[in-house]
Amino acid sequence: MTYTDHGCSPGSGSLDVAVRQLDGDVILVDTAGEIDLATHGGLKESLFDVLAPPSPGLLVADLSKVTFFDSSGISTVVDAHQRAQTVGTELRIVCDGRAVMRPLVITSVDRYLNVYSDRATAVETPVSPMLDVN
């Protein structure tokens, strides 16, 4: 699945989202462009589609090619993280640049999410056993 939004407002950039199955029970959501109020819907839709039953054991959202990331992006990854926990999927965020990492750190959301600096580590680290909340 590929989603492209060429912006709905003046000055809004574009967002490309590609979803693919990796080895085993791992889904990669590869994202490039700007995540803002006009474009975040494509990312959210892709993440939530992946988290619909039957959900994978691991979902890696690679945001390393994202050039702009505002509060809409933060809200999107937090919502996806909460949904992933509900369905028993581990969500990992890949970001290695200032555009995404800085907003996550400023808001302390980086402490809440599983953030990795590179895709290989995010994919290859063994999945943590989910805690039984009952």
C-alpha atoms as a PDB file:
ATOM      1  CA  MET A   1       0.000   0.000   0.000  1.00  0.00           C
ATOM      2  CA  THR A   2       1.301   3.439  -0.860  1.00  0.00           C
ATOM      3  CA  TYR A   3      -0.352   6.659   0.194  1.00  0.00           C
ATOM      4  CA  THR A   4       0.615  10.028  -1.238  1.00  0.00           C
ATOM      5  CA  ASP A   5      -0.862  13.331  -0.115  1.00  0.00           C
ATOM      6  CA  HIS A   6       0.367  16.354  -2.013  1.00  0.00           C
ATOM      7  CA  GLY A   7      -0.869  18.753   0.617  1.00  0.00           C
ATOM      8  CA  CYS A   8      -4.203  20.387   1.233  1.00  0.00           C
ATOM      9  CA  SER A   9      -3.026  23.821   2.241  1.00  0.00           C
ATOM     10  CA  PRO A  10      -0.536  26.354   0.906  1.00  0.00           C
ATOM     11  CA  GLY A  11       2.974  25.472   2.013  1.00  0.00           C
ATOM     12  CA  SER A  12       2.017  21.945   2.998  1.00  0.00           C
ATOM     13  CA  GLY A  13       4.422  19.311   1.754  1.00  0.00           C
ATOM     14  CA  SER A  14       3.775  15.763   0.741  1.00  0.00           C
ATOM     15  CA  LEU A  15       3.824  12.487   2.608  1.00  0.00           C
ATOM     16  CA  ASP A  16       4.602   9.063   1.168  1.00  0.00           C
ATOM     17  CA  VAL A  17       3.723   5.988   3.197  1.00  0.00           C
ATOM     18  CA  ALA A  18       4.578   2.447   2.074  1.00  0.00           C
ATOM     19  CA  VAL A  19       3.575  -0.657   4.016  1.00  0.00           C
ATOM     20  CA  ARG A  20       5.308  -3.995   3.546  1.00  0.00           C
ATOM     21  CA  GLN A  21       5.643  -7.354   5.214  1.00  0.00           C
ATOM     22  CA  LEU A  22       9.159  -8.245   6.360  1.00  0.00           C
ATOM     23  CA  ASP A  23      10.379 -11.656   7.526  1.00  0.00           C
ATOM     24  CA  GLY A  24       8.170 -13.399  10.029  1.00  0.00           C
ATOM     25  CA  ASP A  25       5.550 -11.435  11.887  1.00  0.00           C
ATOM     26  CA  VAL A  26       7.015  -7.980  11.161  1.00  0.00           C
ATOM     27  CA  ILE A  27       5.341  -5.146   9.247  1.00  0.00           C
ATOM     28  CA  LEU A  28       7.281  -2.050   8.137  1.00  0.00           C
ATOM     29  CA  VAL A  29       5.580   1.305   7.580  1.00  0.00           C
ATOM     30  CA  ASP A  30       8.132   3.389   5.696  1.00  0.00           C
ATOM     31  CA  THR A  31       7.331   7.108   5.719  1.00  0.00           C
ATOM     32  CA  ALA A  32       8.932  10.034   3.893  1.00  0.00           C
ATOM     33  CA  GLY A  33       8.032  13.723   3.700  1.00  0.00           C
ATOM     34  CA  GLU A  34       6.238  16.077   6.038  1.00  0.00           C
ATOM     35  CA  ILE A  35       3.868  15.013   8.812  1.00  0.00           C
ATOM     36  CA  ASP A  36       1.554  17.877   9.717  1.00  0.00           C
ATOM     37  CA  LEU A  37      -2.143  18.621  10.105  1.00  0.00           C
ATOM     38  CA  ALA A  38      -2.720  18.255   6.360  1.00  0.00           C
ATOM     39  CA  THR A  39      -0.840  14.967   5.883  1.00  0.00           C
ATOM     40  CA  HIS A  40      -0.886  12.971   9.142  1.00  0.00           C
ATOM     41  CA  GLY A  41      -4.088  11.158   8.186  1.00  0.00           C
ATOM     42  CA  GLY A  42      -2.264   8.968   5.661  1.00  0.00           C
ATOM     43  CA  LEU A  43       0.191   7.743   8.267  1.00  0.00           C
ATOM     44  CA  LYS A  44      -2.519   7.183  10.867  1.00  0.00           C
ATOM     45  CA  GLU A  45      -4.674   5.253   8.410  1.00  0.00           C
ATOM     46  CA  SER A  46      -1.748   3.027   7.419  1.00  0.00           C
ATOM     47  CA  LEU A  47      -0.734   2.317  11.025  1.00  0.00           C
ATOM     48  CA  PHE A  48      -4.291   1.540  12.119  1.00  0.00           C
ATOM     49  CA  ASP A  49      -4.890  -0.683   9.060  1.00  0.00           C
ATOM     50  CA  VAL A  50      -1.841  -2.743  10.046  1.00  0.00           C
ATOM     51  CA  LEU A  51      -3.075  -2.951  13.644  1.00  0.00           C
ATOM     52  CA  ALA A  52      -6.466  -4.349  12.613  1.00  0.00           C
ATOM     53  CA  PRO A  53      -6.860  -8.068  13.407  1.00  0.00           C
ATOM     54  CA  PRO A  54      -4.908 -10.152  12.811  1.00  0.00           C
ATOM     55  CA  SER A  55      -2.241  -7.724  13.969  1.00  0.00           C
ATOM     56  CA  PRO A  56       1.486  -8.458  13.648  1.00  0.00           C
ATOM     57  CA  GLY A  57       3.819  -9.161  16.549  1.00  0.00           C
ATOM     58  CA  LEU A  58       6.010  -6.207  15.558  1.00  0.00           C
ATOM     59  CA  LEU A  59       5.202  -2.978  13.724  1.00  0.00           C
ATOM     60  CA  VAL A  60       8.144  -0.772  12.753  1.00  0.00           C
ATOM     61  CA  ALA A  61       7.289   2.800  11.746  1.00  0.00           C
ATOM     62  CA  ASP A  62      10.368   4.175   9.994  1.00  0.00           C
ATOM     63  CA  LEU A  63      10.252   7.971  10.195  1.00  0.00           C
ATOM     64  CA  SER A  64      13.930   8.488   9.321  1.00  0.00           C
ATOM     65  CA  LYS A  65      12.984  10.144   5.999  1.00  0.00           C
ATOM     66  CA  VAL A  66      10.510  12.554   7.592  1.00  0.00           C
ATOM     67  CA  THR A  67      11.566  16.185   7.162  1.00  0.00           C
ATOM     68  CA  PHE A  68       8.896  17.893   9.266  1.00  0.00           C
ATOM     69  CA  PHE A  69       7.000  16.545  12.292  1.00  0.00           C
ATOM     70  CA  ASP A  70       4.514  18.587  14.295  1.00  0.00           C
ATOM     71  CA  SER A  71       1.989  17.883  17.059  1.00  0.00           C
ATOM     72  CA  SER A  72      -0.218  16.027  14.568  1.00  0.00           C
ATOM     73  CA  GLY A  73       2.602  13.550  14.051  1.00  0.00           C
ATOM     74  CA  ILE A  74       3.153  13.194  17.787  1.00  0.00           C
ATOM     75  CA  SER A  75      -0.552  12.533  18.299  1.00  0.00           C
ATOM     76  CA  THR A  76      -0.537   9.982  15.486  1.00  0.00           C
ATOM     77  CA  VAL A  77       2.338   7.911  16.887  1.00  0.00           C
ATOM     78  CA  VAL A  78       0.956   8.098  20.446  1.00  0.00           C
ATOM     79  CA  ASP A  79      -2.471   6.927  19.231  1.00  0.00           C
ATOM     80  CA  ALA A  80      -0.833   4.117  17.263  1.00  0.00           C
ATOM     81  CA  HIS A  81       1.250   3.121  20.293  1.00  0.00           C
ATOM     82  CA  GLN A  82      -1.875   2.908  22.462  1.00  0.00           C
ATOM     83  CA  ARG A  83      -3.696   0.900  19.800  1.00  0.00           C
ATOM     84  CA  ALA A  84      -0.706  -1.438  19.398  1.00  0.00           C
ATOM     85  CA  GLN A  85      -0.698  -2.133  23.131  1.00  0.00           C
ATOM     86  CA  THR A  86      -4.406  -2.915  22.990  1.00  0.00           C
ATOM     87  CA  VAL A  87      -3.972  -5.520  20.229  1.00  0.00           C
ATOM     88  CA  GLY A  88      -0.703  -7.014  21.553  1.00  0.00           C
ATOM     89  CA  THR A  89       1.661  -5.578  18.944  1.00  0.00           C
ATOM     90  CA  GLU A  90       4.993  -3.995  19.767  1.00  0.00           C
ATOM     91  CA  LEU A  91       5.355  -0.656  17.955  1.00  0.00           C
ATOM     92  CA  ARG A  92       8.839   0.666  17.300  1.00  0.00           C
ATOM     93  CA  ILE A  93       9.605   4.107  15.894  1.00  0.00           C
ATOM     94  CA  VAL A  94      12.747   4.669  13.833  1.00  0.00           C
ATOM     95  CA  CYS A  95      14.061   8.222  13.709  1.00  0.00           C
ATOM     96  CA  ASP A  96      17.622   9.392  13.386  1.00  0.00           C
ATOM     97  CA  GLY A  97      17.205  13.054  12.602  1.00  0.00           C
ATOM     98  CA  ARG A  98      16.327  16.248  14.360  1.00  0.00           C
ATOM     99  CA  ALA A  99      13.025  16.746  12.514  1.00  0.00           C
ATOM    100  CA  VAL A 100      11.305  13.912  14.395  1.00  0.00           C
ATOM    101  CA  MET A 101      13.500  13.355  17.433  1.00  0.00           C
ATOM    102  CA  ARG A 102      13.456  16.951  18.668  1.00  0.00           C
ATOM    103  CA  PRO A 103       9.636  17.192  18.989  1.00  0.00           C
ATOM    104  CA  LEU A 104       9.562  13.775  20.676  1.00  0.00           C
ATOM    105  CA  VAL A 105      12.229  14.807  23.203  1.00  0.00           C
ATOM    106  CA  ILE A 106      10.777  18.268  23.890  1.00  0.00           C
ATOM    107  CA  THR A 107       7.405  16.725  24.707  1.00  0.00           C
ATOM    108  CA  SER A 108       8.986  13.749  26.561  1.00  0.00           C
ATOM    109  CA  VAL A 109       7.083  11.389  24.281  1.00  0.00           C
ATOM    110  CA  ASP A 110      10.398   9.671  23.491  1.00  0.00           C
ATOM    111  CA  ARG A 111      10.255   8.190  27.012  1.00  0.00           C
ATOM    112  CA  TYR A 112       6.881   6.644  26.271  1.00  0.00           C
ATOM    113  CA  LEU A 113       7.648   5.118  22.860  1.00  0.00           C
ATOM    114  CA  ASN A 114      10.134   2.478  21.710  1.00  0.00           C
ATOM    115  CA  VAL A 115      12.456   4.739  19.686  1.00  0.00           C
ATOM    116  CA  TYR A 116      15.367   3.348  17.653  1.00  0.00           C
ATOM    117  CA  SER A 117      18.027   5.243  15.718  1.00  0.00           C
ATOM    118  CA  ASP A 118      18.164   2.773  12.807  1.00  0.00           C
ATOM    119  CA  ARG A 119      15.850   0.360  11.046  1.00  0.00           C
ATOM    120  CA  ALA A 120      18.093  -2.701  11.334  1.00  0.00           C
ATOM    121  CA  THR A 121      18.202  -2.525  15.133  1.00  0.00           C
ATOM    122  CA  ALA A 122      14.463  -1.904  15.340  1.00  0.00           C
ATOM    123  CA  VAL A 123      13.719  -4.946  13.181  1.00  0.00           C
ATOM    124  CA  GLU A 124      16.352  -7.326  14.570  1.00  0.00           C
ATOM    125  CA  THR A 125      15.930  -6.734  18.329  1.00  0.00           C
ATOM    126  CA  PRO A 126      13.835  -9.584  19.743  1.00  0.00           C
ATOM    127  CA  VAL A 127      10.233  -8.675  20.529  1.00  0.00           C
ATOM    128  CA  SER A 128       9.564  -8.251  24.239  1.00  0.00           C
ATOM    129  CA  PRO A 129       6.996 -10.580  25.722  1.00  0.00           C
ATOM    130  CA  MET A 130       3.797  -8.632  26.297  1.00  0.00           C
ATOM    131  CA  LEU A 131       2.849  -8.153  29.918  1.00  0.00           C
ATOM    132  CA  ASP A 132      -0.366  -9.786  30.984  1.00  0.00           C
ATOM    133  CA  VAL A 133      -2.589  -6.998  32.237  1.00  0.00           C
ATOM    134  CA  ASN A 134      -5.172  -9.362  33.748  1.00  0.00           C
END
